[in-house]
Protein backbone atom coordinates (compact mmCIF):
# COMPACT_ATOMS: atom_id res chain seq x y z
CA MET A 1 72.78 214.65 131.84
CA MET A 2 70.01 212.83 129.96
CA LYS A 3 66.37 214.08 129.65
CA MET A 4 63.72 212.36 130.37
CA ASN A 5 60.31 212.79 128.48
CA LYS A 6 57.08 212.11 130.47
CA GLU A 7 56.51 209.05 129.27
CA THR A 8 59.23 207.53 130.35
CA ALA A 9 59.19 209.25 133.58
CA ASN A 10 55.84 207.42 134.25
CA THR A 11 56.56 204.40 133.12
CA ILE A 12 59.55 204.33 135.64
CA LEU A 13 57.33 206.19 138.49
CA VAL A 14 54.75 202.61 138.10
CA GLU A 15 57.66 200.43 138.40
CA GLN A 16 58.32 202.24 141.80
CA TYR A 17 54.78 201.50 143.06
CA TYR A 18 54.61 198.44 141.27
CA ARG A 19 57.79 197.42 143.61
CA LEU A 20 56.13 198.75 146.65
CA LEU A 21 52.77 197.28 146.53
CA GLU A 22 53.77 193.73 144.74
CA ASN A 23 53.61 191.90 148.54
CA LEU A 24 50.35 192.91 149.53
CA ASN A 25 47.92 190.16 150.00
CA GLU A 26 45.53 189.56 147.09
CA HIS A 27 42.08 191.59 149.26
CA SER A 28 44.34 194.61 149.17
CA LYS A 29 45.71 194.48 146.06
CA GLN A 30 41.93 194.15 144.60
CA LYS A 31 40.77 196.83 146.28
CA LEU A 32 43.40 198.92 144.74
CA ILE A 33 42.42 197.91 141.45
CA SER A 34 39.18 199.00 142.40
CA LYS A 35 40.22 202.06 143.46
CA LEU A 36 42.29 202.92 140.47
CA LEU A 37 39.47 202.04 138.16
CA GLU A 38 36.76 204.23 139.72
CA SER A 39 39.41 207.18 139.73
CA MET A 40 40.10 206.48 135.75
CA LYS A 41 36.28 206.71 135.49
CA THR A 42 35.88 210.13 137.09
CA LYS A 43 36.95 213.82 136.11
CA PRO A 44 40.54 214.97 137.67
CA LYS A 45 39.45 218.08 139.31
CA SER A 46 40.46 221.38 138.42
CA ARG A 47 43.54 222.59 139.80
CA SER A 48 43.32 225.58 141.81
CA THR A 49 44.55 228.94 140.56
CA GLN A 50 44.93 230.09 144.25
CA SER A 51 48.06 231.81 144.57
CA LEU A 52 50.54 230.73 147.51
CA GLN A 53 50.06 234.07 148.97
CA SER A 54 46.67 233.63 149.90
CA LEU A 55 47.42 230.83 152.00
CA PHE A 56 49.84 233.27 154.46
CA GLY A 57 48.34 236.08 156.41
CA SER A 58 46.50 236.94 159.61
CA PHE A 59 43.16 236.26 161.22
CA SER A 60 40.38 238.43 162.35
CA SER A 61 40.44 239.49 165.87
CA ARG A 62 38.74 242.33 167.58
CA GLN A 63 41.25 242.05 170.40
CA SER A 64 44.46 243.85 170.18
CA ALA A 65 47.63 242.23 169.77
CA ASP A 66 48.85 243.20 173.22
CA THR A 67 45.90 241.30 174.42
CA ILE A 68 46.15 238.04 172.90
CA ILE A 69 50.12 237.91 173.59
CA GLN A 70 49.00 238.52 177.53
CA ASN A 71 46.14 235.65 176.68
CA ILE A 72 48.93 233.54 175.13
CA LYS A 73 51.36 234.07 178.38
CA LYS A 74 48.57 233.66 181.29
CA ALA A 75 47.92 230.39 179.40
CA ARG A 76 51.13 228.95 179.43
CA ARG A 77 51.25 226.08 182.32
CA PHE A 78 54.95 224.98 183.20
CA THR A 79 54.44 221.44 184.83
CA ARG A 80 58.49 221.00 184.57
CA THR A 81 60.19 219.98 187.81
CA ILE A 82 63.63 220.96 188.59
CA GLU A 83 65.61 218.99 190.46
CA LYS A 84 68.12 219.78 193.50
CA LEU A 85 71.67 218.67 193.05
C-alpha cells in the first residue's frame, strides 16, 4: 500500500471539496471565500488537552440513585393504544 504524505493528502482533500462546492452560486462562493480568508487571518485555536475520560462521568445530585430512578419511572407517559383483534 502506498503511503501518502501530508501535502498529497491535503491536495486530494482540496480537490474533493472543490468538486463538492463548484456548483454553488456566485454569492455563496464569495461568502465562502470571505470566510476562508478570515479564517487564515486568525490564529488557530489551541487544541484542548482535555482527556477523553474527563468527558464521561456522573452528574451531581442530592437525590439517591433509587429516588432518581423512581422519578424517571413516574414521569413516563405511555400513549400507545393496543387495538383489540
